[in-house]
Amino acid sequence: MPDKLTTSHLGRLHILTNDEIQDIFNLPNFTDEERLLYFALTKIELGVLNQSRSFASKLNFILQLGYFKFRRLFFTFELSDISDDIEFITRKYFADENPEIPTSPKIAVNTSLKHRRTIAELHNYQFCGRRERKMIERFARNAAKISGKPIYIFREILHFLDTRRIILPGYSFLQDIISKALNLEDQRLQITLQNKLTETDTKQLEGLLSDAEGLYEITNLRREARDFTLSEIRREIERGIKIKELYQAAGEVLPALEISNQSIAYYASLVSYYRVDKLRRFDKWTTYLYLLCFVHQRYGRLARYSHQLSALSGAPIYRPS
């Protein structure tokens, strides 16, 4: 299930830092070397350029083409924000014409759209239309089964779009799609847990968050052995005995959830990340999932101490089922 305490950006799921958003979605800030590379025109591109009549139209085409080569995106911009790029293009391609630099983009909407379609066609890219967005939605739902991390799903979508040469949609759209995919995965997992967990299982899971003896049982389980001394190994063995039944339940329930080992490890890590009071504030089925994954992972580590003790004493204390 997705992390319920994920922070939001403008009311949406937080996936990227501001710097990451800048690097992926914002207008590039070219160096001189990058201008030489990305504003260079092939013979075919020069042919397309010469079909435009006005300087403003030609300038817009070169700018959009260079930015697309770099970002695989199209931009709406103020000329004052890209004055260095305009100066470079003017010197390189229009030095003999001495054109008057426009103070604002004076490009008809139809002309701008035509430029974008031409550039996409030149580079064999397609726009992200309704059909493509449905594809992204289905892909995100499948990716959510592999990992509940929003950044994982986001990166997988980027790779998916890149391999199919689809122009990246806006960040807010991707935030909404990933949030929806995680919510649907949450619902799917909750229904499966309700069908698979017995009353005994849920009572034992609740017991991990109780403090009947002045110490939360889950806090005790989160403690790792300090060393391989006999006393520490025995404590680990005792912890393993306490959660053996839950480990066996996890062995039956987790395969039914159809989640990856990566997801199991991620959900287990959240038990160590959150304080007990926060775990108790989650939806109970979310907490049960996290605890099951934690028990599954923790018992495997505890079993190694059983083998260590067997080597020291010659008699195994318990074996994982």
Protein backbone atom coordinates (compact mmCIF):
# COMPACT_ATOMS: atom_id res chain seq x y z
CA MET A 1 0.00 0.00 0.00
CA PRO A 2 1.25 3.53 -0.59
CA ASP A 3 2.79 5.56 2.16
CA LYS A 4 -0.15 7.44 3.65
CA LEU A 5 2.02 10.22 5.05
CA THR A 6 3.62 11.17 1.75
CA THR A 7 3.78 14.95 1.58
CA SER A 8 2.03 16.87 -1.16
CA HIS A 9 3.03 19.54 -3.66
CA LEU A 10 0.23 22.02 -4.35
CA GLY A 11 -2.26 19.48 -3.04
CA ARG A 12 -0.77 16.66 -5.12
CA LEU A 13 1.49 13.70 -4.42
CA HIS A 14 5.07 14.77 -3.82
CA ILE A 15 7.41 12.81 -6.11
CA LEU A 16 10.29 15.08 -7.14
CA THR A 17 12.30 17.77 -5.44
CA ASN A 18 12.20 21.26 -6.91
CA ASP A 19 15.63 20.72 -8.46
CA GLU A 20 14.46 17.47 -10.06
CA ILE A 21 11.38 19.18 -11.47
CA GLN A 22 13.64 21.88 -12.89
CA ASP A 23 15.94 19.30 -14.50
CA ILE A 24 13.10 17.40 -16.18
CA PHE A 25 10.29 19.84 -16.96
CA ASN A 26 11.61 23.41 -16.98
CA LEU A 27 13.10 25.43 -19.78
CA PRO A 28 16.81 24.55 -20.08
CA ASN A 29 19.50 27.08 -19.28
CA PHE A 30 22.09 26.38 -21.98
CA THR A 31 25.81 26.88 -21.74
CA ASP A 32 27.69 28.16 -24.81
CA GLU A 33 28.75 24.61 -25.63
CA GLU A 34 25.16 23.38 -25.39
CA ARG A 35 23.94 26.13 -27.70
CA LEU A 36 26.46 25.04 -30.34
CA LEU A 37 25.17 21.47 -30.03
CA TYR A 38 21.42 21.86 -29.67
CA PHE A 39 20.85 24.83 -31.97
CA ALA A 40 22.82 23.20 -34.79
CA LEU A 41 20.55 22.45 -37.78
CA THR A 42 20.68 19.53 -40.18
CA LYS A 43 20.00 19.98 -43.89
CA ILE A 44 16.45 18.76 -43.42
CA GLU A 45 15.89 21.14 -40.51
CA LEU A 46 17.32 24.05 -42.54
CA GLY A 47 14.89 23.16 -45.30
CA VAL A 48 11.98 23.35 -42.88
CA LEU A 49 13.31 26.62 -41.47
CA ASN A 50 13.38 28.24 -44.89
CA GLN A 51 9.68 27.57 -45.32
CA SER A 52 8.99 30.19 -42.65
CA ARG A 53 8.81 33.79 -43.82
CA SER A 54 9.24 36.02 -40.82
CA PHE A 55 12.25 36.24 -38.55
CA ALA A 56 10.03 35.71 -35.50
CA SER A 57 8.69 32.45 -36.96
CA LYS A 58 12.17 31.20 -37.83
CA LEU A 59 13.44 32.12 -34.39
CA ASN A 60 10.61 30.29 -32.70
CA PHE A 61 11.26 27.18 -34.79
CA ILE A 62 14.99 27.07 -33.91
CA LEU A 63 14.31 27.71 -30.23
CA GLN A 64 11.63 25.03 -29.94
CA LEU A 65 13.76 22.59 -31.94
CA GLY A 66 16.82 23.11 -29.72
CA TYR A 67 14.84 22.81 -26.50
CA PHE A 68 13.09 19.70 -27.81
CA LYS A 69 16.39 18.03 -28.66
CA PHE A 70 17.49 18.62 -25.09
CA ARG A 71 14.29 18.03 -23.09
CA ARG A 72 11.96 16.20 -25.51
CA LEU A 73 9.39 18.80 -24.51
CA PHE A 74 7.85 21.95 -25.94
CA PHE A 75 7.73 25.22 -24.03
CA THR A 76 5.89 28.49 -23.79
CA PHE A 77 8.39 31.18 -22.87
CA GLU A 78 9.05 34.88 -22.57
CA LEU A 79 11.78 36.14 -24.89
CA SER A 80 13.32 38.08 -22.03
CA ASP A 81 14.04 34.77 -20.28
CA ILE A 82 16.07 33.41 -23.20
CA SER A 83 17.89 36.51 -24.44
CA ASP A 84 21.27 34.72 -24.56
CA ASP A 85 19.80 31.94 -26.74
CA ILE A 86 18.22 34.51 -29.07
CA GLU A 87 21.48 36.41 -29.37
CA PHE A 88 23.34 33.20 -30.22
CA ILE A 89 20.81 32.14 -32.87
CA THR A 90 20.76 35.62 -34.41
CA ARG A 91 24.56 35.72 -34.73
CA LYS A 92 24.76 32.18 -36.12
CA TYR A 93 21.91 32.20 -38.65
CA PHE A 94 20.88 35.82 -39.30
CA ALA A 95 24.05 37.88 -38.97
CA ASP A 96 23.72 39.26 -42.52
CA GLU A 97 20.06 40.21 -42.09
CA ASN A 98 20.46 42.41 -39.01
CA PRO A 99 16.88 41.58 -37.92
CA GLU A 100 14.95 43.47 -35.28
CA ILE A 101 14.67 41.28 -32.19
CA PRO A 102 11.00 41.00 -31.15
CA THR A 103 10.18 42.03 -27.58
CA SER A 104 7.52 39.34 -27.24
CA PRO A 105 6.62 36.13 -29.08
CA LYS A 106 4.63 37.27 -32.12
CA ILE A 107 3.78 33.80 -33.43
CA ALA A 108 0.30 32.77 -34.47
CA VAL A 109 -1.05 29.81 -32.51
CA ASN A 110 -1.46 27.76 -35.68
CA THR A 111 2.14 28.47 -36.68
CA SER A 112 3.42 27.45 -33.25
CA LEU A 113 1.41 24.20 -33.34
CA LYS A 114 2.69 23.51 -36.85
CA HIS A 115 6.28 23.93 -35.63
CA ARG A 116 5.67 21.48 -32.80
CA ARG A 117 4.08 18.87 -35.06
CA THR A 118 6.94 19.21 -37.55
CA ILE A 119 9.61 18.88 -34.87
CA ALA A 120 7.93 15.83 -33.36
CA GLU A 121 7.69 14.23 -36.79
CA LEU A 122 11.34 15.02 -37.60
CA HIS A 123 12.41 13.17 -34.46
CA ASN A 124 9.85 10.37 -34.74
CA TYR A 125 8.02 11.34 -31.54
CA GLN A 126 4.30 11.33 -30.90
CA PHE A 127 2.25 13.59 -28.68
CA CYS A 128 0.75 12.25 -25.48
CA GLY A 129 -2.92 12.12 -26.42
CA ARG A 130 -5.89 10.36 -24.89
CA ARG A 131 -4.82 6.89 -26.03
CA GLU A 132 -1.27 7.37 -24.74
CA ARG A 133 -2.54 8.66 -21.39
CA LYS A 134 -4.67 5.55 -20.99
CA MET A 135 -1.54 3.50 -21.67
CA ILE A 136 0.34 5.40 -18.97
CA GLU A 137 -2.49 4.83 -16.52
CA ARG A 138 -2.45 1.06 -17.10
CA PHE A 139 1.33 0.97 -16.90
CA ALA A 140 1.34 2.90 -13.61
CA ARG A 141 -1.10 0.44 -12.05
CA ASN A 142 1.15 -2.48 -12.94
CA ALA A 143 4.23 -0.63 -11.67
CA ALA A 144 2.46 0.03 -8.35
CA LYS A 145 2.37 -3.74 -7.77
CA ILE A 146 6.15 -3.85 -8.00
CA SER A 147 6.86 -0.91 -5.70
CA GLY A 148 4.81 1.48 -3.59
CA LYS A 149 7.43 4.21 -3.98
CA PRO A 150 6.09 7.08 -6.12
CA ILE A 151 9.56 7.83 -7.45
CA TYR A 152 9.91 4.24 -8.71
CA ILE A 153 6.65 4.46 -10.64
CA PHE A 154 7.63 7.87 -12.01
CA ARG A 155 10.99 6.60 -13.31
CA GLU A 156 9.36 3.55 -14.84
CA ILE A 157 6.89 5.81 -16.67
CA LEU A 158 9.77 7.94 -17.97
CA HIS A 159 11.44 4.82 -19.35
CA PHE A 160 8.15 3.59 -20.80
CA LEU A 161 7.57 6.88 -22.64
CA ASP A 162 11.17 7.13 -23.81
CA THR A 163 11.20 3.67 -25.36
CA ARG A 164 7.93 4.41 -27.17
CA ARG A 165 9.06 7.92 -28.15
CA ILE A 166 6.08 9.62 -26.55
CA ILE A 167 6.43 13.25 -25.48
CA LEU A 168 6.36 13.58 -21.71
CA PRO A 169 3.06 14.97 -20.34
CA GLY A 170 2.98 17.57 -17.58
CA TYR A 171 4.18 16.88 -14.06
CA SER A 172 0.73 17.46 -12.52
CA PHE A 173 -0.77 14.80 -14.82
CA LEU A 174 1.89 12.30 -13.73
CA GLN A 175 1.31 13.17 -10.08
CA ASP A 176 -2.40 12.45 -10.47
CA ILE A 177 -1.85 9.23 -12.42
CA ILE A 178 0.63 7.86 -9.89
CA SER A 179 -1.57 8.86 -6.97
CA LYS A 180 -4.53 7.08 -8.57
CA ALA A 181 -2.45 3.97 -9.26
CA LEU A 182 -1.29 3.83 -5.63
CA ASN A 183 -4.82 4.32 -4.32
CA LEU A 184 -6.17 1.52 -6.52
CA GLU A 185 -3.33 -0.73 -5.41
CA ASP A 186 -4.15 0.19 -1.82
CA GLN A 187 -7.76 -0.91 -2.34
CA ARG A 188 -6.70 -4.15 -4.01
CA LEU A 189 -4.35 -5.07 -1.19
CA GLN A 190 -6.89 -4.19 1.47
CA ILE A 191 -9.53 -6.45 -0.05
CA THR A 192 -7.06 -9.32 -0.30
CA LEU A 193 -5.92 -8.87 3.29
CA GLN A 194 -9.52 -8.83 4.52
CA ASN A 195 -10.12 -12.13 2.73
CA LYS A 196 -6.89 -13.83 3.77
CA LEU A 197 -6.12 -12.75 7.34
CA THR A 198 -7.86 -14.71 10.09
CA GLU A 199 -9.08 -13.22 13.35
CA THR A 200 -6.14 -14.89 15.07
CA ASP A 201 -3.74 -13.28 12.60
CA THR A 202 -5.12 -9.79 13.18
CA LYS A 203 -5.02 -10.21 16.96
CA GLN A 204 -1.38 -11.23 16.79
CA LEU A 205 -0.59 -8.27 14.55
CA GLU A 206 -2.35 -5.93 16.95
CA GLY A 207 -0.32 -7.51 19.73
CA LEU A 208 2.87 -6.27 18.12
CA LEU A 209 1.68 -2.71 18.74
CA SER A 210 0.55 -3.27 22.34
CA ASP A 211 2.58 -2.15 25.35
CA ALA A 212 1.16 -4.49 27.96
CA GLU A 213 4.59 -5.02 29.53
CA GLY A 214 5.69 -1.40 29.24
CA LEU A 215 7.44 -1.93 25.92
CA TYR A 216 5.92 -2.28 22.48
CA GLU A 217 6.59 -5.75 21.12
CA ILE A 218 7.42 -4.28 17.72
CA THR A 219 10.04 -2.05 19.36
CA ASN A 220 11.65 -5.15 20.82
CA LEU A 221 11.58 -6.86 17.43
CA ARG A 222 13.15 -3.86 15.70
CA ARG A 223 16.22 -4.23 17.87
CA GLU A 224 19.01 -6.12 16.15
CA ALA A 225 21.56 -8.26 17.94
CA ARG A 226 24.60 -6.23 18.99
CA ASP A 227 27.02 -9.08 18.40
CA PHE A 228 27.28 -12.84 18.04
CA THR A 229 27.68 -13.65 21.70
CA LEU A 230 25.65 -16.56 23.02
CA SER A 231 23.39 -14.31 25.11
CA GLU A 232 22.56 -12.06 22.12
CA ILE A 233 21.90 -15.05 19.89
CA ARG A 234 19.51 -16.50 22.47
CA ARG A 235 17.58 -13.23 22.64
CA GLU A 236 17.23 -13.31 18.87
CA ILE A 237 15.98 -16.89 19.03
CA GLU A 238 13.37 -15.92 21.62
CA ARG A 239 12.16 -13.10 19.38
CA GLY A 240 11.86 -15.51 16.50
CA ILE A 241 9.81 -17.97 18.50
CA LYS A 242 7.33 -15.21 19.36
CA ILE A 243 6.63 -14.35 15.72
CA LYS A 244 6.85 -17.81 14.17
CA GLU A 245 3.08 -18.14 13.74
CA LEU A 246 2.86 -14.69 12.15
CA TYR A 247 5.74 -15.60 9.86
CA GLN A 248 3.80 -18.68 8.73
CA ALA A 249 0.71 -16.51 8.16
CA ALA A 250 2.80 -14.08 6.13
CA GLY A 251 4.06 -17.00 4.05
CA GLU A 252 0.45 -17.74 3.06
CA VAL A 253 -0.86 -14.18 2.71
CA LEU A 254 1.97 -12.36 0.92
CA PRO A 255 1.95 -14.58 -2.20
CA ALA A 256 -1.80 -13.91 -2.52
CA LEU A 257 -1.09 -10.17 -2.61
CA GLU A 258 0.99 -10.61 -5.79
CA ILE A 259 3.54 -8.00 -4.79
CA SER A 260 7.25 -8.09 -5.53
CA ASN A 261 10.10 -8.78 -3.13
CA GLN A 262 11.03 -5.14 -3.66
CA SER A 263 7.64 -4.06 -2.34
CA ILE A 264 7.88 -6.44 0.60
CA ALA A 265 11.25 -4.98 1.55
CA TYR A 266 9.94 -1.42 1.15
CA TYR A 267 6.84 -1.98 3.28
CA ALA A 268 8.93 -3.76 5.91
CA SER A 269 11.30 -0.80 6.07
CA LEU A 270 8.40 1.50 6.97
CA VAL A 271 7.92 -0.36 10.26
CA SER A 272 11.44 0.67 11.24
CA TYR A 273 11.00 4.16 9.83
CA TYR A 274 7.79 5.15 11.64
CA ARG A 275 7.25 5.46 15.35
CA VAL A 276 4.64 3.13 16.83
CA ASP A 277 2.14 5.93 17.40
CA LYS A 278 2.28 6.79 13.70
CA LEU A 279 1.89 3.16 12.68
CA ARG A 280 -1.21 2.98 14.84
CA ARG A 281 -2.70 6.02 13.08
CA PHE A 282 -2.63 4.37 9.67
CA ASP A 283 -5.62 2.51 8.32
CA LYS A 284 -5.41 -0.81 10.13
CA TRP A 285 -5.09 -2.85 6.92
CA THR A 286 -2.16 -0.70 5.84
CA THR A 287 -0.52 -1.31 9.20
CA TYR A 288 -1.19 -5.05 8.94
CA LEU A 289 0.53 -5.14 5.56
CA TYR A 290 3.59 -3.29 6.85
CA LEU A 291 3.80 -5.60 9.87
CA LEU A 292 3.40 -8.78 7.81
CA CYS A 293 6.21 -7.69 5.52
CA PHE A 294 8.37 -6.76 8.50
CA VAL A 295 7.77 -10.12 10.19
CA HIS A 296 8.55 -11.93 6.95
CA GLN A 297 11.90 -10.12 6.64
CA ARG A 298 12.78 -10.12 10.34
CA TYR A 299 12.14 -13.83 10.83
CA GLY A 300 14.52 -14.62 8.02
CA ARG A 301 17.27 -12.71 9.83
CA LEU A 302 16.39 -14.36 13.13
CA ALA A 303 16.68 -17.78 11.53
CA ARG A 304 20.33 -17.11 10.81
CA TYR A 305 20.96 -16.76 14.52
CA SER A 306 19.33 -20.16 15.06
CA HIS A 307 21.88 -21.70 12.73
CA GLN A 308 24.65 -19.83 14.55
CA LEU A 309 23.45 -21.15 17.91
CA SER A 310 23.17 -24.65 16.47
CA ALA A 311 26.81 -24.45 15.50
CA LEU A 312 27.74 -23.33 19.01
CA SER A 313 25.54 -25.71 21.01
CA GLY A 314 24.93 -28.58 18.58
CA ALA A 315 21.15 -28.35 19.02
CA PRO A 316 18.86 -26.16 16.85
CA ILE A 317 16.31 -24.04 18.72
CA TYR A 318 13.89 -23.56 15.82
CA ARG A 319 13.83 -23.73 12.09
CA PRO A 320 11.98 -21.43 9.70
CA SER A 321 9.04 -23.14 8.05
